[in-house]
Amino acid sequence: MSRVKIYHNPRCSKSRNAVALLQEQGIEAEVVKYLDTPPTKEELKEILSMLGISARELMRTKEAIYKEMGLKDVEDEEALIDAMVANPKLIERPIVIKEGKAAIGRPIENIIALLQC
């Protein structure tokens, strides 16, 4: 069976739904509670590459910390990545990784499509 990893926040209903989906599919995923164990800068860059999106597209722009840090006006990709590493609450979730590809589980259909690859 292929190796699957999920970046999970147990307090998030979408994230809990994604874990449940994996379990229903009989997939034993590596569950990373990313608020407790945030991805490194290198891991985050790799995730962004797999997703094919910019750092801002992975950010939770409605979080208070996003506004407090003034990230709306930051254009530097490295600075945005550094902000997510330092404040993992800014990272959109859940993120599922399978065989070098990734999907954000909003909507959950993104994960279903990834698992069917």
N, C-alpha and C. Protein backbone atom coordinates (compact mmCIF):
# COMPACT_ATOMS: atom_id res chain seq x y z
N MET A 1 0.85 -1.19 0.00
CA MET A 1 0.00 0.00 0.00
C MET A 1 0.88 1.24 0.00
N SER A 2 0.45 2.27 -0.69
CA SER A 2 1.24 3.50 -0.78
C SER A 2 1.22 4.25 0.55
N ARG A 3 2.24 5.02 0.76
CA ARG A 3 2.38 5.79 1.98
C ARG A 3 1.59 7.10 1.84
N VAL A 4 0.77 7.36 2.85
CA VAL A 4 -0.06 8.57 2.86
C VAL A 4 0.22 9.32 4.15
N LYS A 5 0.29 10.63 4.04
CA LYS A 5 0.50 11.49 5.21
C LYS A 5 -0.58 12.55 5.21
N ILE A 6 -1.06 12.87 6.41
CA ILE A 6 -2.04 13.96 6.53
C ILE A 6 -1.57 14.93 7.59
N TYR A 7 -1.56 16.21 7.23
CA TYR A 7 -1.31 17.28 8.18
C TYR A 7 -2.67 17.64 8.76
N HIS A 8 -2.82 17.39 10.05
CA HIS A 8 -4.13 17.34 10.69
C HIS A 8 -4.21 18.28 11.90
N ASN A 9 -5.37 18.90 12.04
CA ASN A 9 -5.70 19.67 13.24
C ASN A 9 -6.97 19.06 13.81
N PRO A 10 -6.87 18.34 14.95
CA PRO A 10 -8.03 17.65 15.50
C PRO A 10 -9.21 18.57 15.84
N ARG A 11 -8.96 19.86 15.99
CA ARG A 11 -10.04 20.80 16.32
C ARG A 11 -10.83 21.25 15.09
N CYS A 12 -10.35 20.89 13.92
CA CYS A 12 -10.98 21.33 12.66
C CYS A 12 -11.88 20.22 12.11
N SER A 13 -13.14 20.54 11.85
CA SER A 13 -14.08 19.53 11.36
C SER A 13 -13.67 18.99 9.98
N LYS A 14 -13.16 19.85 9.11
CA LYS A 14 -12.73 19.39 7.78
C LYS A 14 -11.57 18.41 7.92
N SER A 15 -10.69 18.70 8.84
CA SER A 15 -9.54 17.83 9.08
C SER A 15 -10.00 16.49 9.67
N ARG A 16 -10.92 16.53 10.62
CA ARG A 16 -11.46 15.29 11.19
C ARG A 16 -12.16 14.47 10.12
N ASN A 17 -12.89 15.14 9.23
CA ASN A 17 -13.57 14.44 8.14
C ASN A 17 -12.57 13.76 7.21
N ALA A 18 -11.44 14.42 6.98
CA ALA A 18 -10.41 13.84 6.11
C ALA A 18 -9.80 12.59 6.74
N VAL A 19 -9.53 12.63 8.04
CA VAL A 19 -9.00 11.46 8.75
C VAL A 19 -10.02 10.32 8.68
N ALA A 20 -11.29 10.65 8.88
CA ALA A 20 -12.36 9.64 8.81
C ALA A 20 -12.42 9.02 7.41
N LEU A 21 -12.29 9.84 6.38
CA LEU A 21 -12.31 9.35 5.01
C LEU A 21 -11.17 8.35 4.79
N LEU A 22 -9.98 8.70 5.23
CA LEU A 22 -8.84 7.81 5.08
C LEU A 22 -9.11 6.48 5.79
N GLN A 23 -9.65 6.56 7.00
CA GLN A 23 -9.96 5.34 7.75
C GLN A 23 -11.01 4.50 7.03
N GLU A 24 -12.04 5.15 6.50
CA GLU A 24 -13.10 4.44 5.76
C GLU A 24 -12.54 3.73 4.53
N GLN A 25 -11.50 4.33 3.94
CA GLN A 25 -10.87 3.75 2.75
C GLN A 25 -9.85 2.67 3.12
N GLY A 26 -9.67 2.46 4.42
CA GLY A 26 -8.71 1.46 4.88
C GLY A 26 -7.26 1.90 4.72
N ILE A 27 -7.06 3.21 4.68
CA ILE A 27 -5.71 3.76 4.48
C ILE A 27 -5.11 4.11 5.84
N GLU A 28 -3.98 3.50 6.13
CA GLU A 28 -3.26 3.81 7.36
C GLU A 28 -2.30 4.96 7.06
N ALA A 29 -2.72 6.14 7.40
CA ALA A 29 -1.94 7.34 7.10
C ALA A 29 -1.08 7.74 8.29
N GLU A 30 0.04 8.36 7.98
CA GLU A 30 0.84 9.01 9.01
C GLU A 30 0.13 10.32 9.33
N VAL A 31 -0.30 10.46 10.57
CA VAL A 31 -1.03 11.66 10.98
C VAL A 31 -0.06 12.60 11.68
N VAL A 32 0.08 13.79 11.12
CA VAL A 32 0.95 14.81 11.69
C VAL A 32 0.07 15.91 12.25
N LYS A 33 0.06 16.04 13.56
CA LYS A 33 -0.67 17.15 14.19
C LYS A 33 0.23 18.37 14.05
N TYR A 34 0.04 19.09 12.96
CA TYR A 34 1.00 20.11 12.55
C TYR A 34 1.07 21.32 13.48
N LEU A 35 0.08 21.51 14.34
CA LEU A 35 0.20 22.61 15.30
C LEU A 35 1.20 22.23 16.40
N ASP A 36 1.31 20.92 16.69
CA ASP A 36 2.27 20.43 17.67
C ASP A 36 3.63 20.19 17.04
N THR A 37 3.62 19.70 15.80
CA THR A 37 4.85 19.38 15.07
C THR A 37 4.77 20.06 13.71
N PRO A 38 5.09 21.36 13.67
CA PRO A 38 4.95 22.07 12.39
C PRO A 38 5.97 21.59 11.35
N PRO A 39 5.61 21.70 10.08
CA PRO A 39 6.57 21.35 9.04
C PRO A 39 7.74 22.32 9.06
N THR A 40 8.90 21.82 8.67
CA THR A 40 10.08 22.69 8.53
C THR A 40 9.89 23.55 7.28
N LYS A 41 10.76 24.51 7.12
CA LYS A 41 10.70 25.37 5.93
C LYS A 41 10.86 24.53 4.66
N GLU A 42 11.79 23.56 4.71
CA GLU A 42 12.01 22.69 3.55
C GLU A 42 10.78 21.84 3.26
N GLU A 43 10.17 21.28 4.31
CA GLU A 43 8.96 20.47 4.13
C GLU A 43 7.83 21.32 3.55
N LEU A 44 7.69 22.53 4.04
CA LEU A 44 6.63 23.40 3.56
C LEU A 44 6.85 23.76 2.09
N LYS A 45 8.09 24.00 1.71
CA LYS A 45 8.39 24.29 0.30
C LYS A 45 8.05 23.08 -0.58
N GLU A 46 8.35 21.89 -0.07
CA GLU A 46 8.04 20.67 -0.81
C GLU A 46 6.53 20.49 -0.96
N ILE A 47 5.79 20.77 0.11
CA ILE A 47 4.33 20.69 0.06
C ILE A 47 3.78 21.68 -0.96
N LEU A 48 4.28 22.90 -0.94
CA LEU A 48 3.83 23.91 -1.90
C LEU A 48 4.11 23.46 -3.33
N SER A 49 5.27 22.85 -3.54
CA SER A 49 5.61 22.35 -4.87
C SER A 49 4.66 21.24 -5.30
N MET A 50 4.34 20.32 -4.38
CA MET A 50 3.41 19.24 -4.71
C MET A 50 2.02 19.78 -5.01
N LEU A 51 1.62 20.81 -4.27
CA LEU A 51 0.30 21.41 -4.48
C LEU A 51 0.27 22.28 -5.74
N GLY A 52 1.44 22.81 -6.12
CA GLY A 52 1.50 23.70 -7.27
C GLY A 52 0.87 25.05 -7.01
N ILE A 53 1.02 25.54 -5.77
CA ILE A 53 0.43 26.83 -5.40
C ILE A 53 1.48 27.71 -4.73
N SER A 54 1.14 28.97 -4.55
CA SER A 54 2.02 29.91 -3.85
C SER A 54 1.80 29.79 -2.35
N ALA A 55 2.71 30.36 -1.60
CA ALA A 55 2.60 30.34 -0.13
C ALA A 55 1.30 31.01 0.32
N ARG A 56 0.95 32.12 -0.28
CA ARG A 56 -0.27 32.81 0.13
C ARG A 56 -1.51 31.94 -0.08
N GLU A 57 -1.52 31.14 -1.14
CA GLU A 57 -2.67 30.29 -1.41
C GLU A 57 -2.83 29.18 -0.36
N LEU A 58 -1.77 28.90 0.39
CA LEU A 58 -1.83 27.90 1.45
C LEU A 58 -2.14 28.53 2.81
N MET A 59 -2.23 29.85 2.85
CA MET A 59 -2.42 30.55 4.11
C MET A 59 -3.89 30.75 4.45
N ARG A 60 -4.15 30.66 5.74
CA ARG A 60 -5.49 30.97 6.27
C ARG A 60 -5.52 32.48 6.51
N THR A 61 -5.97 33.20 5.49
CA THR A 61 -5.90 34.66 5.51
C THR A 61 -6.92 35.31 6.45
N LYS A 62 -7.85 34.52 6.98
CA LYS A 62 -8.83 35.10 7.90
C LYS A 62 -8.43 34.94 9.36
N GLU A 63 -7.30 34.27 9.60
CA GLU A 63 -6.81 34.12 10.98
C GLU A 63 -6.38 35.49 11.52
N ALA A 64 -6.62 35.72 12.79
CA ALA A 64 -6.24 36.99 13.42
C ALA A 64 -4.75 37.25 13.29
N ILE A 65 -3.94 36.20 13.43
CA ILE A 65 -2.49 36.37 13.37
C ILE A 65 -2.04 36.87 11.99
N TYR A 66 -2.77 36.49 10.95
CA TYR A 66 -2.46 36.96 9.59
C TYR A 66 -2.57 38.48 9.54
N LYS A 67 -3.66 38.99 10.12
CA LYS A 67 -3.87 40.44 10.14
C LYS A 67 -2.88 41.13 11.07
N GLU A 68 -2.67 40.53 12.25
CA GLU A 68 -1.75 41.11 13.23
C GLU A 68 -0.33 41.24 12.68
N MET A 69 0.09 40.27 11.88
CA MET A 69 1.44 40.29 11.31
C MET A 69 1.54 41.14 10.05
N GLY A 70 0.41 41.67 9.58
CA GLY A 70 0.42 42.51 8.38
C GLY A 70 0.83 41.75 7.13
N LEU A 71 0.46 40.47 7.04
CA LEU A 71 0.91 39.64 5.94
C LEU A 71 0.21 39.94 4.62
N LYS A 72 -0.89 40.66 4.66
CA LYS A 72 -1.63 41.00 3.44
C LYS A 72 -0.74 41.74 2.44
N ASP A 73 0.15 42.58 2.96
CA ASP A 73 0.99 43.40 2.09
C ASP A 73 2.36 42.80 1.81
N VAL A 74 2.63 41.62 2.33
CA VAL A 74 3.92 40.97 2.11
C VAL A 74 3.89 40.22 0.78
N GLU A 75 4.84 40.52 -0.08
CA GLU A 75 4.91 39.88 -1.39
C GLU A 75 5.99 38.80 -1.44
N ASP A 76 6.93 38.84 -0.52
CA ASP A 76 8.07 37.93 -0.52
C ASP A 76 7.64 36.52 -0.12
N GLU A 77 7.76 35.58 -1.05
CA GLU A 77 7.36 34.18 -0.83
C GLU A 77 8.09 33.57 0.37
N GLU A 78 9.38 33.85 0.48
CA GLU A 78 10.17 33.31 1.59
C GLU A 78 9.65 33.82 2.94
N ALA A 79 9.28 35.07 2.99
CA ALA A 79 8.76 35.66 4.24
C ALA A 79 7.43 35.02 4.61
N LEU A 80 6.59 34.74 3.61
CA LEU A 80 5.31 34.10 3.89
C LEU A 80 5.52 32.66 4.39
N ILE A 81 6.45 31.96 3.79
CA ILE A 81 6.77 30.60 4.23
C ILE A 81 7.32 30.64 5.66
N ASP A 82 8.22 31.58 5.93
CA ASP A 82 8.76 31.72 7.29
C ASP A 82 7.64 31.99 8.30
N ALA A 83 6.67 32.80 7.91
CA ALA A 83 5.55 33.11 8.80
C ALA A 83 4.74 31.85 9.11
N MET A 84 4.54 30.99 8.12
CA MET A 84 3.78 29.75 8.35
C MET A 84 4.57 28.77 9.22
N VAL A 85 5.87 28.72 9.03
CA VAL A 85 6.70 27.83 9.85
C VAL A 85 6.65 28.29 11.31
N ALA A 86 6.76 29.59 11.51
CA ALA A 86 6.75 30.14 12.87
C ALA A 86 5.35 30.12 13.49
N ASN A 87 4.32 30.18 12.66
CA ASN A 87 2.93 30.24 13.13
C ASN A 87 2.09 29.24 12.33
N PRO A 88 2.20 27.94 12.65
CA PRO A 88 1.53 26.93 11.83
C PRO A 88 0.00 27.07 11.77
N LYS A 89 -0.56 27.86 12.65
CA LYS A 89 -2.01 28.12 12.61
C LYS A 89 -2.39 28.78 11.27
N LEU A 90 -1.42 29.40 10.61
CA LEU A 90 -1.66 30.05 9.32
C LEU A 90 -1.81 29.07 8.17
N ILE A 91 -1.43 27.81 8.38
CA ILE A 91 -1.44 26.82 7.29
C ILE A 91 -2.85 26.25 7.12
N GLU A 92 -3.32 26.29 5.89
CA GLU A 92 -4.63 25.70 5.57
C GLU A 92 -4.57 24.20 5.83
N ARG A 93 -5.69 23.65 6.23
CA ARG A 93 -5.74 22.22 6.53
C ARG A 93 -7.07 21.64 6.11
N PRO A 94 -7.10 20.33 6.02
CA PRO A 94 -6.02 19.37 6.10
C PRO A 94 -5.26 19.28 4.78
N ILE A 95 -4.05 18.80 4.85
CA ILE A 95 -3.24 18.54 3.65
C ILE A 95 -2.94 17.05 3.64
N VAL A 96 -3.27 16.39 2.53
CA VAL A 96 -2.97 14.97 2.39
C VAL A 96 -1.93 14.82 1.29
N ILE A 97 -0.93 13.97 1.57
CA ILE A 97 0.15 13.72 0.62
C ILE A 97 0.17 12.23 0.29
N LYS A 98 0.26 11.95 -1.00
CA LYS A 98 0.34 10.57 -1.47
C LYS A 98 1.22 10.52 -2.71
N GLU A 99 2.26 9.71 -2.65
CA GLU A 99 3.13 9.46 -3.81
C GLU A 99 3.59 10.73 -4.51
N GLY A 100 4.08 11.68 -3.74
CA GLY A 100 4.63 12.90 -4.31
C GLY A 100 3.60 13.92 -4.79
N LYS A 101 2.34 13.67 -4.49
CA LYS A 101 1.27 14.61 -4.84
C LYS A 101 0.56 15.00 -3.55
N ALA A 102 -0.06 16.16 -3.56
CA ALA A 102 -0.75 16.64 -2.36
C ALA A 102 -2.07 17.28 -2.73
N ALA A 103 -2.96 17.35 -1.74
CA ALA A 103 -4.25 18.01 -1.91
C ALA A 103 -4.66 18.63 -0.58
N ILE A 104 -5.28 19.78 -0.68
CA ILE A 104 -5.89 20.42 0.50
C ILE A 104 -7.33 19.92 0.55
N GLY A 105 -7.76 19.48 1.73
CA GLY A 105 -9.08 18.89 1.87
C GLY A 105 -10.22 19.87 2.00
N ARG A 106 -10.17 20.95 1.28
CA ARG A 106 -11.27 21.92 1.23
C ARG A 106 -11.55 22.19 -0.25
N PRO A 107 -12.49 21.53 -0.84
CA PRO A 107 -13.43 20.56 -0.29
C PRO A 107 -12.81 19.16 -0.20
N ILE A 108 -13.47 18.26 0.49
CA ILE A 108 -12.96 16.90 0.70
C ILE A 108 -12.82 16.14 -0.62
N GLU A 109 -13.55 16.56 -1.64
CA GLU A 109 -13.43 15.93 -2.95
C GLU A 109 -12.00 16.00 -3.49
N ASN A 110 -11.24 17.02 -3.06
CA ASN A 110 -9.83 17.12 -3.47
C ASN A 110 -9.05 15.90 -2.99
N ILE A 111 -9.34 15.47 -1.78
CA ILE A 111 -8.65 14.30 -1.21
C ILE A 111 -9.11 13.04 -1.93
N ILE A 112 -10.40 12.94 -2.19
CA ILE A 112 -10.93 11.77 -2.89
C ILE A 112 -10.23 11.63 -4.24
N ALA A 113 -10.10 12.72 -4.97
CA ALA A 113 -9.42 12.69 -6.27
C ALA A 113 -7.96 12.27 -6.13
N LEU A 114 -7.29 12.76 -5.12
CA LEU A 114 -5.89 12.39 -4.88
C LEU A 114 -5.76 10.90 -4.61
N LEU A 115 -6.65 10.36 -3.81
CA LEU A 115 -6.59 8.94 -3.45
C LEU A 115 -6.88 8.04 -4.65
N GLN A 116 -7.61 8.55 -5.63
CA GLN A 116 -7.94 7.75 -6.81
C GLN A 116 -6.83 7.73 -7.84
N CYS A 117 -5.83 8.58 -7.65
CA CYS A 117 -4.70 8.62 -8.60
C CYS A 117 -3.84 7.37 -8.48
